[in-house]
Amino acid sequence: TALENVLIPALIAGSTRQKCLNRAVELLAQVGLADRSTHKPSQLSGGEQQRVAIARALINSPSLILADEPTGNLDPATSDTVFEALMELVRETGLAALIATHNPALAARMDRIVHLENGRLG
């Protein structure tokens, strides 16, 4: 389920199940999926799956999140929803995010843009 998917990294890291469960439920609510926590991946849309992945990435409270094309296979409206959910969490928690994208419209919404072309930063 979505909830179990988010729980896995925290359980592997050795957190207690109840502590993990509370945090996972909170994260799913933050990404707008509180009502979808019992759904299996096949029952979730692409955007919902991406938001579950964001919650899973945040379960262990990292200081940095790396996201490679987090909205790459999504339609524009869903892409916007997923990106907003990610950015809201980043800003709320003070988390640093390094996001790789080929989408100029998405890149334009970042706080800082660095171009990588032919192996050179520009």
C-alpha atoms as a PDB file:
ATOM      1  CA  THR A   1       0.000   0.000   0.000  1.00  0.00           C
ATOM      2  CA  ALA A   2       1.019   3.656  -0.191  1.00  0.00           C
ATOM      3  CA  LEU A   3       1.455   3.687   3.584  1.00  0.00           C
ATOM      4  CA  GLU A   4       3.660   0.593   3.576  1.00  0.00           C
ATOM      5  CA  ASN A   5       5.698   2.043   0.718  1.00  0.00           C
ATOM      6  CA  VAL A   6       6.444   5.172   2.761  1.00  0.00           C
ATOM      7  CA  LEU A   7       7.203   3.131   5.912  1.00  0.00           C
ATOM      8  CA  ILE A   8       9.869   0.851   4.423  1.00  0.00           C
ATOM      9  CA  PRO A   9      12.934   3.173   4.605  1.00  0.00           C
ATOM     10  CA  ALA A  10      12.211   4.115   8.235  1.00  0.00           C
ATOM     11  CA  LEU A  11      11.769   0.498   9.272  1.00  0.00           C
ATOM     12  CA  ILE A  12      15.021  -0.418   7.531  1.00  0.00           C
ATOM     13  CA  ALA A  13      16.716   2.448   9.392  1.00  0.00           C
ATOM     14  CA  GLY A  14      15.589   0.869  12.679  1.00  0.00           C
ATOM     15  CA  SER A  15      12.804   3.198  13.795  1.00  0.00           C
ATOM     16  CA  THR A  16       9.969   1.709  15.821  1.00  0.00           C
ATOM     17  CA  ARG A  17       6.898   0.737  13.824  1.00  0.00           C
ATOM     18  CA  GLN A  18       4.602   3.112  15.724  1.00  0.00           C
ATOM     19  CA  LYS A  19       6.948   6.072  15.285  1.00  0.00           C
ATOM     20  CA  CYS A  20       7.298   5.259  11.570  1.00  0.00           C
ATOM     21  CA  LEU A  21       3.568   4.836  11.182  1.00  0.00           C
ATOM     22  CA  ASN A  22       2.819   8.232  12.723  1.00  0.00           C
ATOM     23  CA  ARG A  23       5.393   9.965  10.510  1.00  0.00           C
ATOM     24  CA  ALA A  24       4.230   8.159   7.345  1.00  0.00           C
ATOM     25  CA  VAL A  25       0.593   9.106   7.953  1.00  0.00           C
ATOM     26  CA  GLU A  26       1.678  12.724   8.507  1.00  0.00           C
ATOM     27  CA  LEU A  27       3.734  12.795   5.302  1.00  0.00           C
ATOM     28  CA  LEU A  28       0.961  11.266   3.202  1.00  0.00           C
ATOM     29  CA  ALA A  29      -1.392  13.927   4.536  1.00  0.00           C
ATOM     30  CA  GLN A  30       1.134  16.638   3.668  1.00  0.00           C
ATOM     31  CA  VAL A  31       1.247  15.479   0.052  1.00  0.00           C
ATOM     32  CA  GLY A  32      -2.539  15.242  -0.131  1.00  0.00           C
ATOM     33  CA  LEU A  33      -2.857  11.466   0.029  1.00  0.00           C
ATOM     34  CA  ALA A  34      -4.285  10.815   3.499  1.00  0.00           C
ATOM     35  CA  ASP A  35      -7.339   9.190   1.936  1.00  0.00           C
ATOM     36  CA  ARG A  36      -5.272   6.995  -0.422  1.00  0.00           C
ATOM     37  CA  SER A  37      -2.929   5.387   2.143  1.00  0.00           C
ATOM     38  CA  THR A  38      -4.478   1.913   1.816  1.00  0.00           C
ATOM     39  CA  HIS A  39      -4.309   1.879  -1.989  1.00  0.00           C
ATOM     40  CA  LYS A  40      -1.828  -0.259  -3.855  1.00  0.00           C
ATOM     41  CA  PRO A  41       0.461   1.344  -6.483  1.00  0.00           C
ATOM     42  CA  SER A  42      -1.686   0.018  -9.332  1.00  0.00           C
ATOM     43  CA  GLN A  43      -4.659   1.861  -7.824  1.00  0.00           C
ATOM     44  CA  LEU A  44      -2.829   5.206  -7.779  1.00  0.00           C
ATOM     45  CA  SER A  45      -2.379   7.657 -10.638  1.00  0.00           C
ATOM     46  CA  GLY A  46       1.097   8.603 -11.824  1.00  0.00           C
ATOM     47  CA  GLY A  47       0.944  11.845  -9.867  1.00  0.00           C
ATOM     48  CA  GLU A  48      -0.171  10.041  -6.724  1.00  0.00           C
ATOM     49  CA  GLN A  49       2.681   7.559  -7.129  1.00  0.00           C
ATOM     50  CA  GLN A  50       5.139  10.457  -7.411  1.00  0.00           C
ATOM     51  CA  ARG A  51       3.742  12.042  -4.243  1.00  0.00           C
ATOM     52  CA  VAL A  52       4.118   8.705  -2.425  1.00  0.00           C
ATOM     53  CA  ALA A  53       7.743   8.665  -3.614  1.00  0.00           C
ATOM     54  CA  ILE A  54       8.244  12.174  -2.198  1.00  0.00           C
ATOM     55  CA  ALA A  55       6.803  11.113   1.162  1.00  0.00           C
ATOM     56  CA  ARG A  56       9.013   7.985   1.133  1.00  0.00           C
ATOM     57  CA  ALA A  57      12.085  10.119   0.422  1.00  0.00           C
ATOM     58  CA  LEU A  58      11.293  12.328   3.418  1.00  0.00           C
ATOM     59  CA  ILE A  59      10.411   9.662   6.004  1.00  0.00           C
ATOM     60  CA  ASN A  60      13.906   9.635   7.543  1.00  0.00           C
ATOM     61  CA  SER A  61      14.114  13.457   7.671  1.00  0.00           C
ATOM     62  CA  PRO A  62      17.074  13.927   5.315  1.00  0.00           C
ATOM     63  CA  SER A  63      18.773  17.305   5.003  1.00  0.00           C
ATOM     64  CA  LEU A  64      18.994  16.948   1.204  1.00  0.00           C
ATOM     65  CA  ILE A  65      16.706  15.380  -1.361  1.00  0.00           C
ATOM     66  CA  LEU A  66      17.884  14.525  -4.880  1.00  0.00           C
ATOM     67  CA  ALA A  67      15.137  14.374  -7.489  1.00  0.00           C
ATOM     68  CA  ASP A  68      15.805  13.369 -11.085  1.00  0.00           C
ATOM     69  CA  GLU A  69      12.907  14.452 -13.308  1.00  0.00           C
ATOM     70  CA  PRO A  70      10.312  14.197 -10.499  1.00  0.00           C
ATOM     71  CA  THR A  71       7.545  15.235 -12.896  1.00  0.00           C
ATOM     72  CA  GLY A  72       8.984  13.744 -16.091  1.00  0.00           C
ATOM     73  CA  ASN A  73       6.177  11.374 -17.123  1.00  0.00           C
ATOM     74  CA  LEU A  74       3.250  13.430 -15.901  1.00  0.00           C
ATOM     75  CA  ASP A  75       0.751  15.631 -17.712  1.00  0.00           C
ATOM     76  CA  PRO A  76       1.172  19.394 -17.105  1.00  0.00           C
ATOM     77  CA  ALA A  77      -1.587  19.705 -14.478  1.00  0.00           C
ATOM     78  CA  THR A  78      -0.380  16.694 -12.492  1.00  0.00           C
ATOM     79  CA  SER A  79       3.209  17.847 -12.888  1.00  0.00           C
ATOM     80  CA  ASP A  80       2.276  21.161 -11.319  1.00  0.00           C
ATOM     81  CA  THR A  81       0.538  19.437  -8.386  1.00  0.00           C
ATOM     82  CA  VAL A  82       3.520  17.161  -7.709  1.00  0.00           C
ATOM     83  CA  PHE A  83       6.027  20.004  -8.000  1.00  0.00           C
ATOM     84  CA  GLU A  84       4.012  22.223  -5.649  1.00  0.00           C
ATOM     85  CA  ALA A  85       3.771  19.413  -3.084  1.00  0.00           C
ATOM     86  CA  LEU A  86       7.528  18.902  -3.230  1.00  0.00           C
ATOM     87  CA  MET A  87       8.347  22.604  -2.988  1.00  0.00           C
ATOM     88  CA  GLU A  88       5.910  23.145  -0.116  1.00  0.00           C
ATOM     89  CA  LEU A  89       7.576  20.373   1.872  1.00  0.00           C
ATOM     90  CA  VAL A  90      11.033  21.716   1.040  1.00  0.00           C
ATOM     91  CA  ARG A  91      10.134  25.200   2.228  1.00  0.00           C
ATOM     92  CA  GLU A  92       8.262  24.012   5.349  1.00  0.00           C
ATOM     93  CA  THR A  93      11.092  21.788   6.529  1.00  0.00           C
ATOM     94  CA  GLY A  94      14.131  23.775   5.399  1.00  0.00           C
ATOM     95  CA  LEU A  95      15.178  20.794   3.344  1.00  0.00           C
ATOM     96  CA  ALA A  96      17.631  21.366   0.517  1.00  0.00           C
ATOM     97  CA  ALA A  97      16.560  19.945  -2.842  1.00  0.00           C
ATOM     98  CA  LEU A  98      18.629  19.328  -5.943  1.00  0.00           C
ATOM     99  CA  ILE A  99      16.263  18.751  -8.836  1.00  0.00           C
ATOM    100  CA  ALA A 100      17.434  17.659 -12.268  1.00  0.00           C
ATOM    101  CA  THR A 101      15.060  18.455 -15.114  1.00  0.00           C
ATOM    102  CA  HIS A 102      14.965  19.044 -18.854  1.00  0.00           C
ATOM    103  CA  ASN A 103      11.756  21.041 -18.447  1.00  0.00           C
ATOM    104  CA  PRO A 104      12.569  24.778 -18.774  1.00  0.00           C
ATOM    105  CA  ALA A 105       9.215  25.806 -17.275  1.00  0.00           C
ATOM    106  CA  LEU A 106       9.856  23.687 -14.190  1.00  0.00           C
ATOM    107  CA  ALA A 107      13.450  24.910 -13.907  1.00  0.00           C
ATOM    108  CA  ALA A 108      12.277  28.526 -14.063  1.00  0.00           C
ATOM    109  CA  ARG A 109      10.343  27.957 -10.822  1.00  0.00           C
ATOM    110  CA  MET A 110      13.453  26.939  -8.875  1.00  0.00           C
ATOM    111  CA  ASP A 111      15.272  29.236  -6.469  1.00  0.00           C
ATOM    112  CA  ARG A 112      18.533  28.739  -8.351  1.00  0.00           C
ATOM    113  CA  ILE A 113      19.284  27.298 -11.776  1.00  0.00           C
ATOM    114  CA  VAL A 114      22.555  25.701 -12.848  1.00  0.00           C
ATOM    115  CA  HIS A 115      22.891  24.463 -16.421  1.00  0.00           C
ATOM    116  CA  LEU A 116      24.908  21.372 -17.238  1.00  0.00           C
ATOM    117  CA  GLU A 117      25.831  21.176 -20.907  1.00  0.00           C
ATOM    118  CA  ASN A 118      28.463  18.914 -22.442  1.00  0.00           C
ATOM    119  CA  GLY A 119      29.807  18.120 -18.983  1.00  0.00           C
ATOM    120  CA  ARG A 120      30.239  21.763 -17.998  1.00  0.00           C
ATOM    121  CA  LEU A 121      28.350  23.782 -15.444  1.00  0.00           C
ATOM    122  CA  GLY A 122      27.123  27.116 -16.672  1.00  0.00           C
END
